[in-house]
C-alpha atoms as a PDB file:
ATOM      1  CA  MET A   1     115.817 137.311  11.344  1.00  0.00           C
ATOM      2  CA  ARG A   2     114.465 133.765  11.031  1.00  0.00           C
ATOM      3  CA  LYS A   3     117.699 132.393  12.386  1.00  0.00           C
ATOM      4  CA  LYS A   4     117.412 134.644  15.550  1.00  0.00           C
ATOM      5  CA  PHE A   5     113.634 133.826  16.057  1.00  0.00           C
ATOM      6  CA  LYS A   6     114.636 130.165  15.771  1.00  0.00           C
ATOM      7  CA  LYS A   7     117.348 130.532  18.332  1.00  0.00           C
ATOM      8  CA  ASN A   8     115.004 132.359  20.733  1.00  0.00           C
ATOM      9  CA  PHE A   9     112.306 129.759  20.175  1.00  0.00           C
ATOM     10  CA  ASN A  10     114.840 126.997  20.990  1.00  0.00           C
ATOM     11  CA  GLN A  11     115.863 128.756  24.041  1.00  0.00           C
ATOM     12  CA  LYS A  12     112.333 129.027  25.356  1.00  0.00           C
ATOM     13  CA  GLN A  13     111.764 125.324  24.674  1.00  0.00           C
ATOM     14  CA  ASP A  14     115.088 124.640  26.585  1.00  0.00           C
ATOM     15  CA  THR A  15     113.710 126.836  29.511  1.00  0.00           C
ATOM     16  CA  LYS A  16     110.357 125.036  29.502  1.00  0.00           C
ATOM     17  CA  SER A  17     111.945 121.713  29.519  1.00  0.00           C
ATOM     18  CA  PHE A  18     114.178 122.739  32.341  1.00  0.00           C
ATOM     19  CA  GLU A  19     111.278 124.032  34.320  1.00  0.00           C
ATOM     20  CA  LYS A  20     109.345 120.744  33.750  1.00  0.00           C
ATOM     21  CA  MET A  21     112.188 118.824  34.815  1.00  0.00           C
ATOM     22  CA  ALA A  22     112.605 120.785  38.057  1.00  0.00           C
ATOM     23  CA  ILE A  23     109.020 120.386  38.784  1.00  0.00           C
ATOM     24  CA  LEU A  24     109.300 116.581  38.241  1.00  0.00           C
ATOM     25  CA  ILE A  25     112.352 116.524  40.446  1.00  0.00           C
ATOM     26  CA  SER A  26     110.628 118.539  43.153  1.00  0.00           C
ATOM     27  CA  ILE A  27     107.618 116.285  42.911  1.00  0.00           C
ATOM     28  CA  LEU A  28     109.793 113.180  43.237  1.00  0.00           C
ATOM     29  CA  ALA A  29     111.643 114.643  46.262  1.00  0.00           C
ATOM     30  CA  LEU A  30     108.446 115.423  47.910  1.00  0.00           C
ATOM     31  CA  ILE A  31     107.160 111.909  47.297  1.00  0.00           C
ATOM     32  CA  ILE A  32     110.470 110.588  48.725  1.00  0.00           C
ATOM     33  CA  SER A  33     110.107 112.761  51.782  1.00  0.00           C
ATOM     34  CA  ILE A  34     106.453 111.654  52.425  1.00  0.00           C
ATOM     35  CA  PHE A  35     107.495 107.948  52.078  1.00  0.00           C
ATOM     36  CA  ALA A  36     110.463 108.512  54.367  1.00  0.00           C
ATOM     37  CA  PHE A  37     108.153 110.319  56.874  1.00  0.00           C
ATOM     38  CA  PHE A  38     105.717 107.352  57.177  1.00  0.00           C
ATOM     39  CA  THR A  39     108.488 104.995  57.254  1.00  0.00           C
ATOM     40  CA  ASP A  40     110.111 106.753  60.185  1.00  0.00           C
ATOM     41  CA  SER A  41     106.768 107.184  61.807  1.00  0.00           C
ATOM     42  CA  GLN A  42     105.929 103.327  61.437  1.00  0.00           C
ATOM     43  CA  THR A  43     109.386 102.582  62.652  1.00  0.00           C
ATOM     44  CA  LEU A  44     108.816 104.916  65.686  1.00  0.00           C
ATOM     45  CA  ARG A  45     105.409 103.490  66.540  1.00  0.00           C
ATOM     46  CA  LEU A  46     106.810  99.825  66.290  1.00  0.00           C
ATOM     47  CA  ALA A  47     109.676 100.741  68.502  1.00  0.00           C
ATOM     48  CA  PHE A  48     107.293 102.456  70.990  1.00  0.00           C
ATOM     49  CA  SER A  49     105.026  99.383  70.852  1.00  0.00           C
ATOM     50  CA  GLN A  50     107.814  96.924  71.456  1.00  0.00           C
ATOM     51  CA  ASP A  51     109.170  99.063  74.372  1.00  0.00           C
ATOM     52  CA  ASN A  52     105.640  99.232  75.914  1.00  0.00           C
ATOM     53  CA  GLU A  53     105.210  95.407  75.617  1.00  0.00           C
ATOM     54  CA  ARG A  54     108.545  94.961  77.538  1.00  0.00           C
ATOM     55  CA  LYS A  55     107.256  96.936  80.385  1.00  0.00           C
ATOM     56  CA  THR A  56     103.733  95.611  80.269  1.00  0.00           C
ATOM     57  CA  PRO A  57     103.210  92.661  82.761  1.00  0.00           C
ATOM     58  CA  VAL A  58     101.425  89.288  82.255  1.00  0.00           C
ATOM     59  CA  TRP A  59     101.448  87.273  85.508  1.00  0.00           C
ATOM     60  CA  VAL A  60     101.116  83.499  85.523  1.00  0.00           C
ATOM     61  CA  GLY A  61      99.726  81.948  88.789  1.00  0.00           C
ATOM     62  CA  LYS A  62     100.923  78.468  89.568  1.00  0.00           C
ATOM     63  CA  TYR A  63      99.083  76.633  92.387  1.00  0.00           C
ATOM     64  CA  ASN A  64     101.154  75.288  95.333  1.00  0.00           C
ATOM     65  CA  ILE A  65      98.971  72.501  96.735  1.00  0.00           C
ATOM     66  CA  GLU A  66     101.068  71.884  99.770  1.00  0.00           C
ATOM     67  CA  ASN A  67     100.848  75.564 100.856  1.00  0.00           C
ATOM     68  CA  GLU A  68      97.330  76.118  99.329  1.00  0.00           C
ATOM     69  CA  GLU A  69      98.423  79.311  97.549  1.00  0.00           C
ATOM     70  CA  ILE A  70      98.574  80.807  94.169  1.00  0.00           C
ATOM     71  CA  VAL A  71     102.294  81.842  93.273  1.00  0.00           C
ATOM     72  CA  PHE A  72     102.630  84.744  90.937  1.00  0.00           C
ATOM     73  CA  GLU A  73     105.520  84.968  88.441  1.00  0.00           C
ATOM     74  CA  SER A  74     106.097  87.321  85.542  1.00  0.00           C
ATOM     75  CA  THR A  75     106.334  86.023  81.931  1.00  0.00           C
ATOM     76  CA  ASN A  76     109.117  88.469  81.403  1.00  0.00           C
ATOM     77  CA  PRO A  77     112.108  88.052  83.834  1.00  0.00           C
ATOM     78  CA  GLU A  78     112.842  91.817  83.422  1.00  0.00           C
ATOM     79  CA  ILE A  79     109.538  92.633  85.135  1.00  0.00           C
ATOM     80  CA  ILE A  80     109.642  92.371  88.895  1.00  0.00           C
ATOM     81  CA  LEU A  81     106.393  92.206  90.899  1.00  0.00           C
ATOM     82  CA  GLN A  82     106.368  94.218  94.183  1.00  0.00           C
ATOM     83  CA  MET A  83     102.762  93.658  95.541  1.00  0.00           C
ATOM     84  CA  ALA A  84      99.308  93.134  93.991  1.00  0.00           C
ATOM     85  CA  ASN A  85      95.648  93.164  95.013  1.00  0.00           C
ATOM     86  CA  ILE A  86      92.928  90.836  93.775  1.00  0.00           C
ATOM     87  CA  TYR A  87      89.327  91.900  93.204  1.00  0.00           C
ATOM     88  CA  PHE A  88      86.642  89.350  93.058  1.00  0.00           C
ATOM     89  CA  PRO A  89      82.987  89.656  91.670  1.00  0.00           C
ATOM     90  CA  SER A  90      80.599  90.880  94.142  1.00  0.00           C
ATOM     91  CA  LYS A  91      78.739  87.593  93.613  1.00  0.00           C
ATOM     92  CA  PHE A  92      81.288  86.078  95.904  1.00  0.00           C
ATOM     93  CA  ASN A  93      81.732  87.075  99.527  1.00  0.00           C
ATOM     94  CA  LEU A  94      85.332  87.655  99.407  1.00  0.00           C
ATOM     95  CA  PRO A  95      87.509  90.435 100.608  1.00  0.00           C
ATOM     96  CA  LYS A  96      90.126  92.106  98.453  1.00  0.00           C
ATOM     97  CA  GLY A  97      93.045  89.605  98.087  1.00  0.00           C
ATOM     98  CA  TYR A  98      96.554  90.591  98.992  1.00  0.00           C
ATOM     99  CA  VAL A  99      99.776  89.232  97.147  1.00  0.00           C
ATOM    100  CA  SER A 100     102.635  89.794  99.555  1.00  0.00           C
ATOM    101  CA  PRO A 101     105.848  91.387  98.456  1.00  0.00           C
ATOM    102  CA  GLY A 102     107.852  88.630  99.998  1.00  0.00           C
ATOM    103  CA  ASN A 103     106.826  85.236  98.408  1.00  0.00           C
ATOM    104  CA  HIS A 104     104.304  86.825  95.877  1.00  0.00           C
ATOM    105  CA  ALA A 105     101.669  84.324  96.861  1.00  0.00           C
ATOM    106  CA  TYR A 106      97.836  84.513  97.475  1.00  0.00           C
ATOM    107  CA  PRO A 107      96.548  82.157 100.341  1.00  0.00           C
ATOM    108  CA  THR A 108      93.401  80.264  99.104  1.00  0.00           C
ATOM    109  CA  SER A 109      91.902  79.052 102.267  1.00  0.00           C
ATOM    110  CA  ILE A 110      89.038  81.768 102.299  1.00  0.00           C
ATOM    111  CA  LEU A 111      88.592  81.537  98.530  1.00  0.00           C
ATOM    112  CA  LYS A 112      88.087  77.585  98.737  1.00  0.00           C
ATOM    113  CA  THR A 113      85.568  78.080 101.676  1.00  0.00           C
ATOM    114  CA  GLU A 114      83.543  80.370  99.568  1.00  0.00           C
ATOM    115  CA  LEU A 115      83.784  78.297  96.598  1.00  0.00           C
ATOM    116  CA  ILE A 116      82.377  75.294  98.473  1.00  0.00           C
ATOM    117  CA  GLU A 117      79.297  77.397  99.533  1.00  0.00           C
ATOM    118  CA  TYR A 118      78.773  78.604  96.019  1.00  0.00           C
ATOM    119  CA  VAL A 119      79.036  75.106  94.370  1.00  0.00           C
ATOM    120  CA  ARG A 120      76.731  73.494  97.152  1.00  0.00           C
ATOM    121  CA  GLU A 121      74.221  76.303  96.263  1.00  0.00           C
ATOM    122  CA  GLY A 122      74.537  75.897  92.593  1.00  0.00           C
ATOM    123  CA  TYR A 123      74.477  71.977  92.292  1.00  0.00           C
ATOM    124  CA  GLU A 124      71.865  69.458  93.023  1.00  0.00           C
ATOM    125  CA  VAL A 125      73.445  66.260  94.694  1.00  0.00           C
ATOM    126  CA  SER A 126      73.160  63.157  92.398  1.00  0.00           C
ATOM    127  CA  GLU A 127      72.548  60.237  94.567  1.00  0.00           C
ATOM    128  CA  ASP A 128      73.836  57.785  91.660  1.00  0.00           C
ATOM    129  CA  SER A 129      77.172  59.259  91.267  1.00  0.00           C
ATOM    130  CA  ASN A 130      79.621  62.199  91.885  1.00  0.00           C
ATOM    131  CA  GLN A 131      79.520  65.139  89.746  1.00  0.00           C
ATOM    132  CA  VAL A 132      82.590  67.138  88.416  1.00  0.00           C
ATOM    133  CA  ALA A 133      82.420  70.653  87.271  1.00  0.00           C
ATOM    134  CA  TYR A 134      85.377  72.608  85.701  1.00  0.00           C
ATOM    135  CA  GLU A 135      84.818  76.335  86.270  1.00  0.00           C
ATOM    136  CA  ILE A 136      86.384  79.762  86.304  1.00  0.00           C
ATOM    137  CA  ILE A 137      86.289  83.029  88.417  1.00  0.00           C
ATOM    138  CA  PRO A 138      87.279  86.326  86.846  1.00  0.00           C
ATOM    139  CA  VAL A 139      89.244  88.615  88.829  1.00  0.00           C
ATOM    140  CA  ILE A 140      90.973  91.783  88.383  1.00  0.00           C
ATOM    141  CA  ILE A 141      94.677  92.014  89.581  1.00  0.00           C
ATOM    142  CA  THR A 142      96.096  95.420  90.263  1.00  0.00           C
ATOM    143  CA  SER A 143      99.826  95.214  90.454  1.00  0.00           C
ATOM    144  CA  ASN A 144     102.853  97.446  91.371  1.00  0.00           C
ATOM    145  CA  TYR A 145     105.933  96.376  89.657  1.00  0.00           C
ATOM    146  CA  VAL A 146     109.362  97.409  88.477  1.00  0.00           C
ATOM    147  CA  ALA A 147     110.584  97.525  84.814  1.00  0.00           C
ATOM    148  CA  GLN A 148     113.650  98.900  83.328  1.00  0.00           C
ATOM    149  CA  GLY A 149     114.505 100.512  86.643  1.00  0.00           C
ATOM    150  CA  ASN A 150     111.122 102.405  86.928  1.00  0.00           C
ATOM    151  CA  LEU A 151     107.974 101.811  88.997  1.00  0.00           C
ATOM    152  CA  PHE A 152     104.648 101.202  87.304  1.00  0.00           C
ATOM    153  CA  ASN A 153     101.118 100.395  88.152  1.00  0.00           C
ATOM    154  CA  HIS A 154      98.885  97.883  86.142  1.00  0.00           C
ATOM    155  CA  GLN A 155      95.505  95.965  86.146  1.00  0.00           C
ATOM    156  CA  ALA A 156      94.256  93.267  84.016  1.00  0.00           C
ATOM    157  CA  ILE A 157      91.559  90.583  84.139  1.00  0.00           C
ATOM    158  CA  TYR A 158      92.623  87.032  84.904  1.00  0.00           C
ATOM    159  CA  HIS A 159      90.599  83.882  85.416  1.00  0.00           C
ATOM    160  CA  ILE A 160      91.014  81.491  88.369  1.00  0.00           C
ATOM    161  CA  HIS A 161      90.422  77.876  87.258  1.00  0.00           C
ATOM    162  CA  TYR A 162      89.204  75.169  89.616  1.00  0.00           C
ATOM    163  CA  ILE A 163      87.506  71.731  89.550  1.00  0.00           C
ATOM    164  CA  ALA A 164      84.670  71.122  91.812  1.00  0.00           C
ATOM    165  CA  THR A 165      83.761  67.641  92.819  1.00  0.00           C
ATOM    166  CA  ILE A 166      80.125  67.196  94.272  1.00  0.00           C
ATOM    167  CA  PRO A 167      79.971  63.692  96.042  1.00  0.00           C
ATOM    168  CA  GLY A 168      76.669  61.802  95.612  1.00  0.00           C
ATOM    169  CA  ASP A 169      76.440  61.145  99.364  1.00  0.00           C
ATOM    170  CA  GLY A 170      75.758  64.775 100.025  1.00  0.00           C
ATOM    171  CA  SER A 171      79.057  65.415 101.831  1.00  0.00           C
ATOM    172  CA  GLU A 172      80.976  68.765 101.363  1.00  0.00           C
ATOM    173  CA  PRO A 173      82.046  69.486  97.758  1.00  0.00           C
ATOM    174  CA  ILE A 174      85.804  69.226  97.042  1.00  0.00           C
ATOM    175  CA  ILE A 175      87.654  72.278  95.496  1.00  0.00           C
ATOM    176  CA  ASP A 176      90.757  71.764  93.466  1.00  0.00           C
ATOM    177  CA  ILE A 177      92.395  74.955  92.256  1.00  0.00           C
ATOM    178  CA  ASP A 178      94.340  74.712  89.049  1.00  0.00           C
ATOM    179  CA  GLY A 179      95.822  78.229  88.872  1.00  0.00           C
ATOM    180  CA  LEU A 180      95.568  81.602  87.102  1.00  0.00           C
ATOM    181  CA  THR A 181      95.292  82.492  83.397  1.00  0.00           C
ATOM    182  CA  PHE A 182      95.446  85.844  81.753  1.00  0.00           C
ATOM    183  CA  ASP A 183      92.572  87.481  79.833  1.00  0.00           C
ATOM    184  CA  SER A 184      93.138  91.060  78.915  1.00  0.00           C
ATOM    185  CA  HIS A 185      94.664  94.436  80.070  1.00  0.00           C
ATOM    186  CA  VAL A 186      92.516  96.977  81.750  1.00  0.00           C
ATOM    187  CA  ASP A 187      93.017 100.874  81.660  1.00  0.00           C
ATOM    188  CA  MET A 188      93.993 102.131  85.024  1.00  0.00           C
ATOM    189  CA  LYS A 189      91.119 104.750  84.918  1.00  0.00           C
ATOM    190  CA  PHE A 190      88.503 102.017  85.517  1.00  0.00           C
ATOM    191  CA  ASP A 191      87.421 100.940  88.995  1.00  0.00           C
ATOM    192  CA  PRO A 192      88.462  97.367  89.344  1.00  0.00           C
ATOM    193  CA  SER A 193      85.374  96.383  91.426  1.00  0.00           C
ATOM    194  CA  ILE A 194      83.081  97.592  88.792  1.00  0.00           C
ATOM    195  CA  LYS A 195      85.017  96.243  85.862  1.00  0.00           C
ATOM    196  CA  VAL A 196      85.377  92.686  87.456  1.00  0.00           C
ATOM    197  CA  ASP A 197      81.475  92.562  87.944  1.00  0.00           C
ATOM    198  CA  GLU A 198      80.996  93.518  84.269  1.00  0.00           C
ATOM    199  CA  HIS A 199      83.293  90.875  83.086  1.00  0.00           C
ATOM    200  CA  TRP A 200      81.457  88.343  85.353  1.00  0.00           C
ATOM    201  CA  ASP A 201      78.094  89.385  83.881  1.00  0.00           C
ATOM    202  CA  PHE A 202      79.555  88.991  80.379  1.00  0.00           C
ATOM    203  CA  LEU A 203      80.722  85.520  81.066  1.00  0.00           C
ATOM    204  CA  VAL A 204      77.503  84.410  82.720  1.00  0.00           C
ATOM    205  CA  ASP A 205      75.725  85.383  79.569  1.00  0.00           C
ATOM    206  CA  SER A 206      78.207  83.718  77.436  1.00  0.00           C
ATOM    207  CA  ASP A 207      77.685  80.286  75.990  1.00  0.00           C
ATOM    208  CA  GLU A 208      81.305  79.479  76.686  1.00  0.00           C
ATOM    209  CA  PHE A 209      80.958  80.130  80.506  1.00  0.00           C
ATOM    210  CA  LEU A 210      80.775  76.866  82.356  1.00  0.00           C
ATOM    211  CA  ALA A 211      79.410  78.026  85.671  1.00  0.00           C
ATOM    212  CA  ARG A 212      75.590  78.091  86.382  1.00  0.00           C
END
């Protein structure tokens, strides 16, 4: 009788051990599954992010002194600009700029005329010497472009850099445009005219802004 009881007891112990082992294996499998899920999710997010970056444009604007125009190029050769519009702060009496689909350039004659008046009003002439100021104008560029065989729309904040020379003899200020630099992407849901004014106000209030 004792031997039978002992045998049954050992069988129960073996059964409990097996059940514990099965539970541990199930928990381990669950942990591995969760880890694999998060790893796959991170990989998917990374792949999506990289694909999105490949399709998101950043334009560089080089100034052509001879033609007095800003020429637009993409930092990614796989992104092809079709056309673009340039929105200026309402502080400046400037119409919406147009970047043509042919040479991808923005003529700056109207911009330079407005900047001359802006600088003339903002600086007092120093009779002793010429004054030189390095300044920027924020703009929003809305663009229509092709990437990976598909058509996209995009907008972003850029800065037009220029050097203003104010002669001491009171003659007309001289404007030398340097080019264009990227600042940040802007969601397409925002009105570019409003957003560029908000950024202008932000820069004016900032200690880093060089304009008056």
